[in-house]
Amino acid sequence: MSALALLPPYLQLPKTPEDLRQAQRVFHGRGHAYQELHHVTIDWLPPVALITLFAPEPLSEIEMLADYLLSQLTPCKSVQLQHRYQLSGPIAVIRGTSITQLAIQEDNLRFNINLGQVRNTGLFLDMRNGRRWVQDNSQDKRVLNLFAYTCGFSLAAMAGNARSVLNIDMSRAALNVGRENHRLNLQALDRVRFEKLDIFKSFSRFKKKGPFDLLICDPPTRQKGSVDIEKDYPKILRRLDQFMAPGATLILCLNAPELSREYLLRHMTKLAPRYTLIQDIKPPEVYLEAEGKGLKVLCFKDMQ
């Protein structure tokens, strides 16, 4: 029997009409909390159900899973499969119509999603609670959003009435999607900036544009030629006093499975001791972790 046949009891499917309108992960096997299913995730991106496999499974079993999802998610118009164990992570349509461009809803915000052309869709659903925190704590803040990607945190900050947001990323294409995300949410761009920069060569620029009241730092684990976060994170932390305002708040994210929250705590104690840990922002409950290797999001505040 295929491992996929074990899935239905573990799916956390939305039931109410409002939940069905919300983008969310409905199964997370990558946390190794489910035996034989660590290679599977399933996302609900209305009206698309996206199955992601990190190892091959028989097509017949994938089709049975797709049929089950269609029966349970009544607004579903397309079940798609991403082969993440292949280099380009291609996406195939298993059931329904081909949908490659869509705008999904998360809480009160909308995000442009791209299926079939790139490995990542444009929004990391495990950061939902982080975006909620930012929206609730951005009133009148000057926000610096490092490794901004498609600017999800920027949308949240502006929805929370931030004074301004500066988005920094190496990818112009990602920032362009971010700009369109702000437009999708009818957010004025006069208080939002987008700059394609190498963060590790731009600290003097941050100093000129600062100081900032809220820093969001959500780096990739490794990005060939630009980021090795285990070595590079300390380069940011030791320079915080150059561009952060007194009393500032930091949201520090860590996606590397091999690095624990202690990695951040250790470096903060050594390099930025004026900041105190005030909160761990946990991912949504569906992201069960048996080995503690999942997303870490730590919130620090300058208490001095």
C-alpha atoms as a PDB file:
ATOM      1  CA  MET A   1       0.000   0.000   0.000  1.00  0.00           C
ATOM      2  CA  SER A   2       1.266   3.448  -0.927  1.00  0.00           C
ATOM      3  CA  ALA A   3       2.018   5.900   1.866  1.00  0.00           C
ATOM      4  CA  LEU A   4      -0.490   8.291   0.293  1.00  0.00           C
ATOM      5  CA  ALA A   5      -3.323   5.944   1.272  1.00  0.00           C
ATOM      6  CA  LEU A   6      -2.530   6.767   4.910  1.00  0.00           C
ATOM      7  CA  LEU A   7      -3.185  10.486   4.451  1.00  0.00           C
ATOM      8  CA  PRO A   8      -6.956  11.140   4.748  1.00  0.00           C
ATOM      9  CA  PRO A   9      -7.256  10.877   8.568  1.00  0.00           C
ATOM     10  CA  TYR A  10      -4.426  13.379   9.010  1.00  0.00           C
ATOM     11  CA  LEU A  11      -5.674  16.067   6.643  1.00  0.00           C
ATOM     12  CA  GLN A  12      -6.730  19.301   8.357  1.00  0.00           C
ATOM     13  CA  LEU A  13      -9.250  20.354   5.760  1.00  0.00           C
ATOM     14  CA  PRO A  14     -11.210  23.611   6.010  1.00  0.00           C
ATOM     15  CA  LYS A  15     -14.927  23.097   6.558  1.00  0.00           C
ATOM     16  CA  THR A  16     -16.715  26.427   6.907  1.00  0.00           C
ATOM     17  CA  PRO A  17     -17.284  28.751   3.932  1.00  0.00           C
ATOM     18  CA  GLU A  18     -14.910  31.325   5.424  1.00  0.00           C
ATOM     19  CA  ASP A  19     -12.155  28.759   6.030  1.00  0.00           C
ATOM     20  CA  LEU A  20     -12.551  27.483   2.481  1.00  0.00           C
ATOM     21  CA  ARG A  21     -11.785  30.979   1.207  1.00  0.00           C
ATOM     22  CA  GLN A  22      -8.488  31.082   3.129  1.00  0.00           C
ATOM     23  CA  ALA A  23      -5.175  29.788   1.736  1.00  0.00           C
ATOM     24  CA  GLN A  24      -3.585  27.300   4.133  1.00  0.00           C
ATOM     25  CA  ARG A  25      -1.539  24.150   4.472  1.00  0.00           C
ATOM     26  CA  VAL A  26      -3.762  21.146   5.108  1.00  0.00           C
ATOM     27  CA  PHE A  27      -1.044  18.525   5.567  1.00  0.00           C
ATOM     28  CA  HIS A  28       2.588  18.917   6.593  1.00  0.00           C
ATOM     29  CA  GLY A  29       4.665  15.777   6.524  1.00  0.00           C
ATOM     30  CA  ARG A  30       8.030  17.514   6.448  1.00  0.00           C
ATOM     31  CA  GLY A  31       8.114  17.749  10.230  1.00  0.00           C
ATOM     32  CA  HIS A  32       8.453  13.952  10.465  1.00  0.00           C
ATOM     33  CA  ALA A  33       5.420  13.761  12.762  1.00  0.00           C
ATOM     34  CA  TYR A  34       3.702  11.221  10.499  1.00  0.00           C
ATOM     35  CA  GLN A  35       5.411   7.918   9.798  1.00  0.00           C
ATOM     36  CA  GLU A  36       6.065   7.253   6.094  1.00  0.00           C
ATOM     37  CA  LEU A  37       4.696  10.677   5.084  1.00  0.00           C
ATOM     38  CA  HIS A  38       7.672  12.992   5.619  1.00  0.00           C
ATOM     39  CA  HIS A  39       7.914  13.550   1.846  1.00  0.00           C
ATOM     40  CA  VAL A  40       4.401  15.013   1.402  1.00  0.00           C
ATOM     41  CA  THR A  41       2.780  18.399   1.869  1.00  0.00           C
ATOM     42  CA  ILE A  42      -0.623  19.593   0.673  1.00  0.00           C
ATOM     43  CA  ASP A  43      -1.681  23.226   0.346  1.00  0.00           C
ATOM     44  CA  TRP A  44      -5.128  24.661  -0.284  1.00  0.00           C
ATOM     45  CA  LEU A  45      -4.743  27.688  -2.536  1.00  0.00           C
ATOM     46  CA  PRO A  46      -8.370  28.325  -3.452  1.00  0.00           C
ATOM     47  CA  PRO A  47      -9.478  27.036  -5.896  1.00  0.00           C
ATOM     48  CA  VAL A  48      -6.311  24.883  -6.275  1.00  0.00           C
ATOM     49  CA  ALA A  49      -5.200  21.926  -4.139  1.00  0.00           C
ATOM     50  CA  LEU A  50      -1.427  21.606  -4.487  1.00  0.00           C
ATOM     51  CA  ILE A  51       0.224  18.297  -3.566  1.00  0.00           C
ATOM     52  CA  THR A  52       3.997  18.553  -3.191  1.00  0.00           C
ATOM     53  CA  LEU A  53       6.133  15.409  -3.199  1.00  0.00           C
ATOM     54  CA  PHE A  54       9.770  15.306  -2.138  1.00  0.00           C
ATOM     55  CA  ALA A  55      10.045  11.673  -3.318  1.00  0.00           C
ATOM     56  CA  PRO A  56       8.196   9.780  -6.087  1.00  0.00           C
ATOM     57  CA  GLU A  57       4.845   8.050  -5.579  1.00  0.00           C
ATOM     58  CA  PRO A  58       2.815   5.895  -8.056  1.00  0.00           C
ATOM     59  CA  LEU A  59       0.585   7.963 -10.315  1.00  0.00           C
ATOM     60  CA  SER A  60      -2.430   5.763  -9.502  1.00  0.00           C
ATOM     61  CA  GLU A  61      -2.088   6.615  -5.802  1.00  0.00           C
ATOM     62  CA  ILE A  62      -1.654  10.311  -6.554  1.00  0.00           C
ATOM     63  CA  GLU A  63      -4.845  10.237  -8.628  1.00  0.00           C
ATOM     64  CA  MET A  64      -6.761   8.563  -5.785  1.00  0.00           C
ATOM     65  CA  LEU A  65      -5.573  11.289  -3.418  1.00  0.00           C
ATOM     66  CA  ALA A  66      -6.575  13.940  -5.956  1.00  0.00           C
ATOM     67  CA  ASP A  67     -10.070  12.447  -6.226  1.00  0.00           C
ATOM     68  CA  TYR A  68     -10.387  12.463  -2.428  1.00  0.00           C
ATOM     69  CA  LEU A  69      -9.360  16.117  -2.247  1.00  0.00           C
ATOM     70  CA  LEU A  70     -11.898  17.009  -4.916  1.00  0.00           C
ATOM     71  CA  SER A  71     -14.624  15.248  -2.932  1.00  0.00           C
ATOM     72  CA  GLN A  72     -13.751  17.093   0.279  1.00  0.00           C
ATOM     73  CA  LEU A  73     -12.927  20.582  -1.031  1.00  0.00           C
ATOM     74  CA  THR A  74     -16.107  21.556  -2.828  1.00  0.00           C
ATOM     75  CA  PRO A  75     -14.777  24.817  -4.372  1.00  0.00           C
ATOM     76  CA  CYS A  76     -11.727  22.959  -5.785  1.00  0.00           C
ATOM     77  CA  LYS A  77     -11.283  23.393  -9.540  1.00  0.00           C
ATOM     78  CA  SER A  78      -7.792  21.989  -9.929  1.00  0.00           C
ATOM     79  CA  VAL A  79      -5.573  19.434  -8.183  1.00  0.00           C
ATOM     80  CA  GLN A  80      -1.933  19.928  -9.060  1.00  0.00           C
ATOM     81  CA  LEU A  81       1.246  18.035  -8.225  1.00  0.00           C
ATOM     82  CA  GLN A  82       4.702  19.505  -7.701  1.00  0.00           C
ATOM     83  CA  HIS A  83       7.701  17.186  -8.022  1.00  0.00           C
ATOM     84  CA  ARG A  84      10.123  18.873  -5.598  1.00  0.00           C
ATOM     85  CA  TYR A  85      12.566  15.978  -5.835  1.00  0.00           C
ATOM     86  CA  GLN A  86      13.288  17.117  -9.392  1.00  0.00           C
ATOM     87  CA  LEU A  87      15.599  20.069  -9.950  1.00  0.00           C
ATOM     88  CA  SER A  88      13.108  22.506 -11.426  1.00  0.00           C
ATOM     89  CA  GLY A  89      10.194  21.333  -9.282  1.00  0.00           C
ATOM     90  CA  PRO A  90       7.750  20.982 -12.205  1.00  0.00           C
ATOM     91  CA  ILE A  91       3.998  21.117 -11.548  1.00  0.00           C
ATOM     92  CA  ALA A  92       1.484  18.890 -13.329  1.00  0.00           C
ATOM     93  CA  VAL A  93      -2.320  19.107 -13.372  1.00  0.00           C
ATOM     94  CA  ILE A  94      -3.754  15.837 -12.025  1.00  0.00           C
ATOM     95  CA  ARG A  95      -7.442  16.737 -11.989  1.00  0.00           C
ATOM     96  CA  GLY A  96      -9.454  19.705 -13.219  1.00  0.00           C
ATOM     97  CA  THR A  97      -8.285  22.725 -15.150  1.00  0.00           C
ATOM     98  CA  SER A  98      -4.875  24.290 -15.561  1.00  0.00           C
ATOM     99  CA  ILE A  99      -4.589  27.312 -13.267  1.00  0.00           C
ATOM    100  CA  THR A 100      -1.194  28.978 -13.136  1.00  0.00           C
ATOM    101  CA  GLN A 101      -1.950  32.527 -11.957  1.00  0.00           C
ATOM    102  CA  LEU A 102      -4.260  33.285  -9.060  1.00  0.00           C
ATOM    103  CA  ALA A 103      -4.754  35.645  -6.134  1.00  0.00           C
ATOM    104  CA  ILE A 104      -5.248  33.920  -2.802  1.00  0.00           C
ATOM    105  CA  GLN A 105      -6.697  35.216   0.457  1.00  0.00           C
ATOM    106  CA  GLU A 106      -4.916  35.045   3.837  1.00  0.00           C
ATOM    107  CA  ASP A 107      -6.849  36.751   6.603  1.00  0.00           C
ATOM    108  CA  ASN A 108      -7.599  40.238   5.226  1.00  0.00           C
ATOM    109  CA  LEU A 109      -4.797  40.256   2.637  1.00  0.00           C
ATOM    110  CA  ARG A 110      -4.471  38.933  -0.905  1.00  0.00           C
ATOM    111  CA  PHE A 111      -1.349  37.592  -2.601  1.00  0.00           C
ATOM    112  CA  ASN A 112      -0.459  36.808  -6.196  1.00  0.00           C
ATOM    113  CA  ILE A 113       0.499  33.152  -6.673  1.00  0.00           C
ATOM    114  CA  ASN A 114       2.367  31.595  -9.577  1.00  0.00           C
ATOM    115  CA  LEU A 115       2.087  27.851 -10.225  1.00  0.00           C
ATOM    116  CA  GLY A 116       4.134  25.922 -12.744  1.00  0.00           C
ATOM    117  CA  GLN A 117       7.014  28.280 -13.520  1.00  0.00           C
ATOM    118  CA  VAL A 118       9.096  28.491 -10.329  1.00  0.00           C
ATOM    119  CA  ARG A 119       9.764  26.203  -7.352  1.00  0.00           C
ATOM    120  CA  ASN A 120       8.143  28.558  -4.839  1.00  0.00           C
ATOM    121  CA  THR A 121       4.607  29.826  -5.348  1.00  0.00           C
ATOM    122  CA  GLY A 122       5.145  33.362  -4.027  1.00  0.00           C
ATOM    123  CA  LEU A 123       3.985  32.971  -0.416  1.00  0.00           C
ATOM    124  CA  PHE A 124       5.279  30.816   2.436  1.00  0.00           C
ATOM    125  CA  LEU A 125       2.189  29.705   4.344  1.00  0.00           C
ATOM    126  CA  ASP A 126       4.147  28.736   7.466  1.00  0.00           C
ATOM    127  CA  MET A 127       4.778  32.456   8.099  1.00  0.00           C
ATOM    128  CA  ARG A 128       1.085  33.281   8.494  1.00  0.00           C
ATOM    129  CA  ASN A 129       1.328  33.981  12.238  1.00  0.00           C
ATOM    130  CA  GLY A 130       4.389  36.139  11.645  1.00  0.00           C
ATOM    131  CA  ARG A 131       2.454  38.281   9.199  1.00  0.00           C
ATOM    132  CA  ARG A 132      -0.388  38.529  11.700  1.00  0.00           C
ATOM    133  CA  TRP A 133       2.042  39.683  14.387  1.00  0.00           C
ATOM    134  CA  VAL A 134       3.505  42.334  12.100  1.00  0.00           C
ATOM    135  CA  GLN A 135       0.070  43.641  11.155  1.00  0.00           C
ATOM    136  CA  ASP A 136      -0.864  43.902  14.841  1.00  0.00           C
ATOM    137  CA  ASN A 137       2.378  45.656  15.829  1.00  0.00           C
ATOM    138  CA  SER A 138       3.275  48.057  13.005  1.00  0.00           C
ATOM    139  CA  GLN A 139       1.292  51.159  13.924  1.00  0.00           C
ATOM    140  CA  ASP A 140       3.417  54.230  13.055  1.00  0.00           C
ATOM    141  CA  LYS A 141       6.567  52.079  12.725  1.00  0.00           C
ATOM    142  CA  ARG A 142       9.381  52.626  10.228  1.00  0.00           C
ATOM    143  CA  VAL A 143       9.918  49.095   8.936  1.00  0.00           C
ATOM    144  CA  LEU A 144      12.983  47.529   7.312  1.00  0.00           C
ATOM    145  CA  ASN A 145      12.104  44.266   5.540  1.00  0.00           C
ATOM    146  CA  LEU A 146      15.251  42.306   4.651  1.00  0.00           C
ATOM    147  CA  PHE A 147      15.105  39.383   2.210  1.00  0.00           C
ATOM    148  CA  ALA A 148      11.667  40.715   1.349  1.00  0.00           C
ATOM    149  CA  TYR A 149      10.899  38.184  -1.429  1.00  0.00           C
ATOM    150  CA  THR A 150       7.354  39.088  -2.616  1.00  0.00           C
ATOM    151  CA  CYS A 151       6.841  41.486   0.314  1.00  0.00           C
ATOM    152  CA  GLY A 152       4.291  39.589   2.396  1.00  0.00           C
ATOM    153  CA  PHE A 153       5.541  41.245   5.576  1.00  0.00           C
ATOM    154  CA  SER A 154       5.357  44.629   3.885  1.00  0.00           C
ATOM    155  CA  LEU A 155       1.688  44.083   3.064  1.00  0.00           C
ATOM    156  CA  ALA A 156       1.047  43.140   6.681  1.00  0.00           C
ATOM    157  CA  ALA A 157       2.923  46.191   7.963  1.00  0.00           C
ATOM    158  CA  MET A 158       0.999  48.565   5.732  1.00  0.00           C
ATOM    159  CA  ALA A 159      -2.285  46.914   6.732  1.00  0.00           C
ATOM    160  CA  GLY A 160      -1.192  47.648  10.301  1.00  0.00           C
ATOM    161  CA  ASN A 161      -0.669  51.365   9.471  1.00  0.00           C
ATOM    162  CA  ALA A 162       3.122  51.405   9.402  1.00  0.00           C
ATOM    163  CA  ARG A 163       4.650  54.832   8.779  1.00  0.00           C
ATOM    164  CA  SER A 164       6.881  53.429   6.032  1.00  0.00           C
ATOM    165  CA  VAL A 165       8.400  50.175   4.729  1.00  0.00           C
ATOM    166  CA  LEU A 166      11.698  49.626   2.940  1.00  0.00           C
ATOM    167  CA  ASN A 167      11.802  46.244   1.148  1.00  0.00           C
ATOM    168  CA  ILE A 168      15.238  44.846   0.263  1.00  0.00           C
ATOM    169  CA  ASP A 169      15.901  41.781  -1.880  1.00  0.00           C
ATOM    170  CA  MET A 170      18.378  40.567  -4.483  1.00  0.00           C
ATOM    171  CA  SER A 171      15.579  39.534  -6.859  1.00  0.00           C
ATOM    172  CA  ARG A 172      14.019  42.291  -8.913  1.00  0.00           C
ATOM    173  CA  ALA A 173      11.371  39.853 -10.130  1.00  0.00           C
ATOM    174  CA  ALA A 174      10.302  39.043  -6.565  1.00  0.00           C
ATOM    175  CA  LEU A 175      10.134  42.744  -5.673  1.00  0.00           C
ATOM    176  CA  ASN A 176       8.026  43.386  -8.770  1.00  0.00           C
ATOM    177  CA  VAL A 177       5.557  40.768  -7.547  1.00  0.00           C
ATOM    178  CA  GLY A 178       5.666  42.505  -4.169  1.00  0.00           C
ATOM    179  CA  ARG A 179       4.777  45.814  -5.780  1.00  0.00           C
ATOM    180  CA  GLU A 180       1.823  44.146  -7.528  1.00  0.00           C
ATOM    181  CA  ASN A 181       0.754  42.577  -4.227  1.00  0.00           C
ATOM    182  CA  HIS A 182       0.477  46.057  -2.700  1.00  0.00           C
ATOM    183  CA  ARG A 183      -1.596  47.193  -5.658  1.00  0.00           C
ATOM    184  CA  LEU A 184      -3.774  44.083  -5.370  1.00  0.00           C
ATOM    185  CA  ASN A 185      -4.579  45.150  -1.811  1.00  0.00           C
ATOM    186  CA  LEU A 186      -5.186  48.765  -2.832  1.00  0.00           C
ATOM    187  CA  GLN A 187      -2.297  49.928  -0.657  1.00  0.00           C
ATOM    188  CA  ALA A 188      -0.766  53.250  -1.630  1.00  0.00           C
ATOM    189  CA  LEU A 189       2.899  52.969  -2.615  1.00  0.00           C
ATOM    190  CA  ASP A 190       4.013  56.433  -1.515  1.00  0.00           C
ATOM    191  CA  ARG A 191       5.166  55.019   1.855  1.00  0.00           C
ATOM    192  CA  VAL A 192       6.635  51.775   0.462  1.00  0.00           C
ATOM    193  CA  ARG A 193      10.017  51.407  -1.233  1.00  0.00           C
ATOM    194  CA  PHE A 194      11.505  48.464  -3.125  1.00  0.00           C
ATOM    195  CA  GLU A 195      15.262  48.222  -3.598  1.00  0.00           C
ATOM    196  CA  LYS A 196      17.272  45.484  -5.292  1.00  0.00           C
ATOM    197  CA  LEU A 197      20.411  45.338  -3.168  1.00  0.00           C
ATOM    198  CA  ASP A 198      22.989  42.949  -1.812  1.00  0.00           C
ATOM    199  CA  ILE A 199      22.147  43.260   1.881  1.00  0.00           C
ATOM    200  CA  PHE A 200      25.686  42.489   3.021  1.00  0.00           C
ATOM    201  CA  LYS A 201      27.078  45.365   0.963  1.00  0.00           C
ATOM    202  CA  SER A 202      24.380  47.881   1.903  1.00  0.00           C
ATOM    203  CA  PHE A 203      24.652  48.566   5.629  1.00  0.00           C
ATOM    204  CA  SER A 204      25.770  52.168   5.067  1.00  0.00           C
ATOM    205  CA  ARG A 205      22.670  52.721   2.917  1.00  0.00           C
ATOM    206  CA  PHE A 206      20.423  51.366   5.666  1.00  0.00           C
ATOM    207  CA  LYS A 207      22.056  53.798   8.082  1.00  0.00           C
ATOM    208  CA  LYS A 208      21.291  56.741   5.774  1.00  0.00           C
ATOM    209  CA  LYS A 209      17.659  55.665   5.319  1.00  0.00           C
ATOM    210  CA  GLY A 210      17.083  54.788   8.969  1.00  0.00           C
ATOM    211  CA  PRO A 211      16.706  54.615  11.800  1.00  0.00           C
ATOM    212  CA  PHE A 212      14.028  51.913  11.750  1.00  0.00           C
ATOM    213  CA  ASP A 213      11.619  50.886  14.497  1.00  0.00           C
ATOM    214  CA  LEU A 214      10.933  47.363  13.267  1.00  0.00           C
ATOM    215  CA  LEU A 215      13.302  44.980  11.489  1.00  0.00           C
ATOM    216  CA  ILE A 216      12.027  41.861   9.746  1.00  0.00           C
ATOM    217  CA  CYS A 217      14.803  39.507   8.681  1.00  0.00           C
ATOM    218  CA  ASP A 218      13.666  36.353   6.862  1.00  0.00           C
ATOM    219  CA  PRO A 219      16.685  35.022   4.966  1.00  0.00           C
ATOM    220  CA  PRO A 220      16.863  31.936   2.770  1.00  0.00           C
ATOM    221  CA  THR A 221      18.893  29.115   4.267  1.00  0.00           C
ATOM    222  CA  ARG A 222      21.310  29.059   1.383  1.00  0.00           C
ATOM    223  CA  GLN A 223      21.342  30.935  -1.892  1.00  0.00           C
ATOM    224  CA  LYS A 224      24.215  30.015  -4.140  1.00  0.00           C
ATOM    225  CA  GLY A 225      26.584  32.918  -4.605  1.00  0.00           C
ATOM    226  CA  SER A 226      24.856  35.278  -2.170  1.00  0.00           C
ATOM    227  CA  VAL A 227      23.749  33.787   1.172  1.00  0.00           C
ATOM    228  CA  ASP A 228      25.015  31.161   3.574  1.00  0.00           C
ATOM    229  CA  ILE A 229      22.901  32.110   6.527  1.00  0.00           C
ATOM    230  CA  GLU A 230      24.899  30.265   9.199  1.00  0.00           C
ATOM    231  CA  LYS A 231      27.901  32.435   8.328  1.00  0.00           C
ATOM    232  CA  ASP A 232      26.029  35.553   7.234  1.00  0.00           C
ATOM    233  CA  TYR A 233      23.344  36.119   9.909  1.00  0.00           C
ATOM    234  CA  PRO A 234      25.923  37.470  12.417  1.00  0.00           C
ATOM    235  CA  LYS A 235      26.970  40.119   9.875  1.00  0.00           C
ATOM    236  CA  ILE A 236      23.507  41.647  10.231  1.00  0.00           C
ATOM    237  CA  LEU A 237      23.166  41.245  13.996  1.00  0.00           C
ATOM    238  CA  ARG A 238      26.448  42.963  14.853  1.00  0.00           C
ATOM    239  CA  ARG A 239      25.404  46.068  12.879  1.00  0.00           C
ATOM    240  CA  LEU A 240      21.921  46.595  14.331  1.00  0.00           C
ATOM    241  CA  ASP A 241      22.985  49.707  16.255  1.00  0.00           C
ATOM    242  CA  GLN A 242      23.879  51.376  12.947  1.00  0.00           C
ATOM    243  CA  PHE A 243      20.349  51.471  11.554  1.00  0.00           C
ATOM    244  CA  MET A 244      17.834  50.543  14.286  1.00  0.00           C
ATOM    245  CA  ALA A 245      16.204  53.172  16.519  1.00  0.00           C
ATOM    246  CA  PRO A 246      16.294  53.043  20.335  1.00  0.00           C
ATOM    247  CA  GLY A 247      13.516  50.758  21.575  1.00  0.00           C
ATOM    248  CA  ALA A 248      13.325  48.944  18.242  1.00  0.00           C
ATOM    249  CA  THR A 249      11.767  45.520  17.710  1.00  0.00           C
ATOM    250  CA  LEU A 250      13.285  42.682  15.682  1.00  0.00           C
ATOM    251  CA  ILE A 251      11.561  39.754  13.983  1.00  0.00           C
ATOM    252  CA  LEU A 252      14.326  37.238  13.254  1.00  0.00           C
ATOM    253  CA  CYS A 253      13.409  34.193  11.182  1.00  0.00           C
ATOM    254  CA  LEU A 254      15.404  31.006  10.752  1.00  0.00           C
ATOM    255  CA  ASN A 255      14.469  28.373   8.177  1.00  0.00           C
ATOM    256  CA  ALA A 256      17.596  26.195   8.314  1.00  0.00           C
ATOM    257  CA  PRO A 257      16.687  22.732   9.689  1.00  0.00           C
ATOM    258  CA  GLU A 258      20.205  22.205  11.008  1.00  0.00           C
ATOM    259  CA  LEU A 259      20.155  25.424  13.076  1.00  0.00           C
ATOM    260  CA  SER A 260      18.123  25.654  16.277  1.00  0.00           C
ATOM    261  CA  ARG A 261      16.674  28.728  17.965  1.00  0.00           C
ATOM    262  CA  GLU A 262      19.737  28.556  20.233  1.00  0.00           C
ATOM    263  CA  TYR A 263      21.820  29.640  17.247  1.00  0.00           C
ATOM    264  CA  LEU A 264      19.977  32.976  17.192  1.00  0.00           C
ATOM    265  CA  LEU A 265      19.923  33.342  20.955  1.00  0.00           C
ATOM    266  CA  ARG A 266      23.656  32.724  21.200  1.00  0.00           C
ATOM    267  CA  HIS A 267      24.528  35.277  18.538  1.00  0.00           C
ATOM    268  CA  MET A 268      22.111  37.870  19.901  1.00  0.00           C
ATOM    269  CA  THR A 269      23.646  37.553  23.373  1.00  0.00           C
ATOM    270  CA  LYS A 270      27.107  38.048  21.929  1.00  0.00           C
ATOM    271  CA  LEU A 271      26.466  40.609  19.174  1.00  0.00           C
ATOM    272  CA  ALA A 272      23.338  42.524  20.227  1.00  0.00           C
ATOM    273  CA  PRO A 273      22.986  42.169  24.011  1.00  0.00           C
ATOM    274  CA  ARG A 274      20.726  45.202  24.400  1.00  0.00           C
ATOM    275  CA  TYR A 275      17.886  43.205  22.806  1.00  0.00           C
ATOM    276  CA  THR A 276      15.708  40.894  24.904  1.00  0.00           C
ATOM    277  CA  LEU A 277      13.696  37.946  23.595  1.00  0.00           C
ATOM    278  CA  ILE A 278      10.028  38.747  24.168  1.00  0.00           C
ATOM    279  CA  GLN A 279       8.216  36.106  22.112  1.00  0.00           C
ATOM    280  CA  ASP A 280       8.486  33.020  19.919  1.00  0.00           C
ATOM    281  CA  ILE A 281       6.036  33.284  17.041  1.00  0.00           C
ATOM    282  CA  LYS A 282       4.928  29.734  16.247  1.00  0.00           C
ATOM    283  CA  PRO A 283       3.755  28.544  12.825  1.00  0.00           C
ATOM    284  CA  PRO A 284       0.120  27.438  12.400  1.00  0.00           C
ATOM    285  CA  GLU A 285      -0.766  24.216  14.238  1.00  0.00           C
ATOM    286  CA  VAL A 286      -0.753  22.124  11.061  1.00  0.00           C
ATOM    287  CA  TYR A 287       3.055  22.453  10.965  1.00  0.00           C
ATOM    288  CA  LEU A 288       3.742  19.651  13.426  1.00  0.00           C
ATOM    289  CA  GLU A 289       7.436  19.112  14.142  1.00  0.00           C
ATOM    290  CA  ALA A 290       8.776  15.932  15.702  1.00  0.00           C
ATOM    291  CA  GLU A 291      12.439  16.903  15.544  1.00  0.00           C
ATOM    292  CA  GLY A 292      12.423  20.666  16.178  1.00  0.00           C
ATOM    293  CA  LYS A 293      13.836  21.431  12.731  1.00  0.00           C
ATOM    294  CA  GLY A 294      11.039  23.610  11.432  1.00  0.00           C
ATOM    295  CA  LEU A 295      10.662  27.367  11.101  1.00  0.00           C
ATOM    296  CA  LYS A 296      11.867  29.479  14.022  1.00  0.00           C
ATOM    297  CA  VAL A 297      10.618  33.069  14.416  1.00  0.00           C
ATOM    298  CA  LEU A 298      11.937  35.018  17.403  1.00  0.00           C
ATOM    299  CA  CYS A 299      10.857  38.497  18.453  1.00  0.00           C
ATOM    300  CA  PHE A 300      13.376  40.705  20.294  1.00  0.00           C
ATOM    301  CA  LYS A 301      13.004  44.204  21.722  1.00  0.00           C
ATOM    302  CA  ASP A 302      15.540  46.819  22.741  1.00  0.00           C
ATOM    303  CA  MET A 303      14.804  47.210  26.432  1.00  0.00           C
ATOM    304  CA  GLN A 304      17.683  49.586  27.271  1.00  0.00           C
END
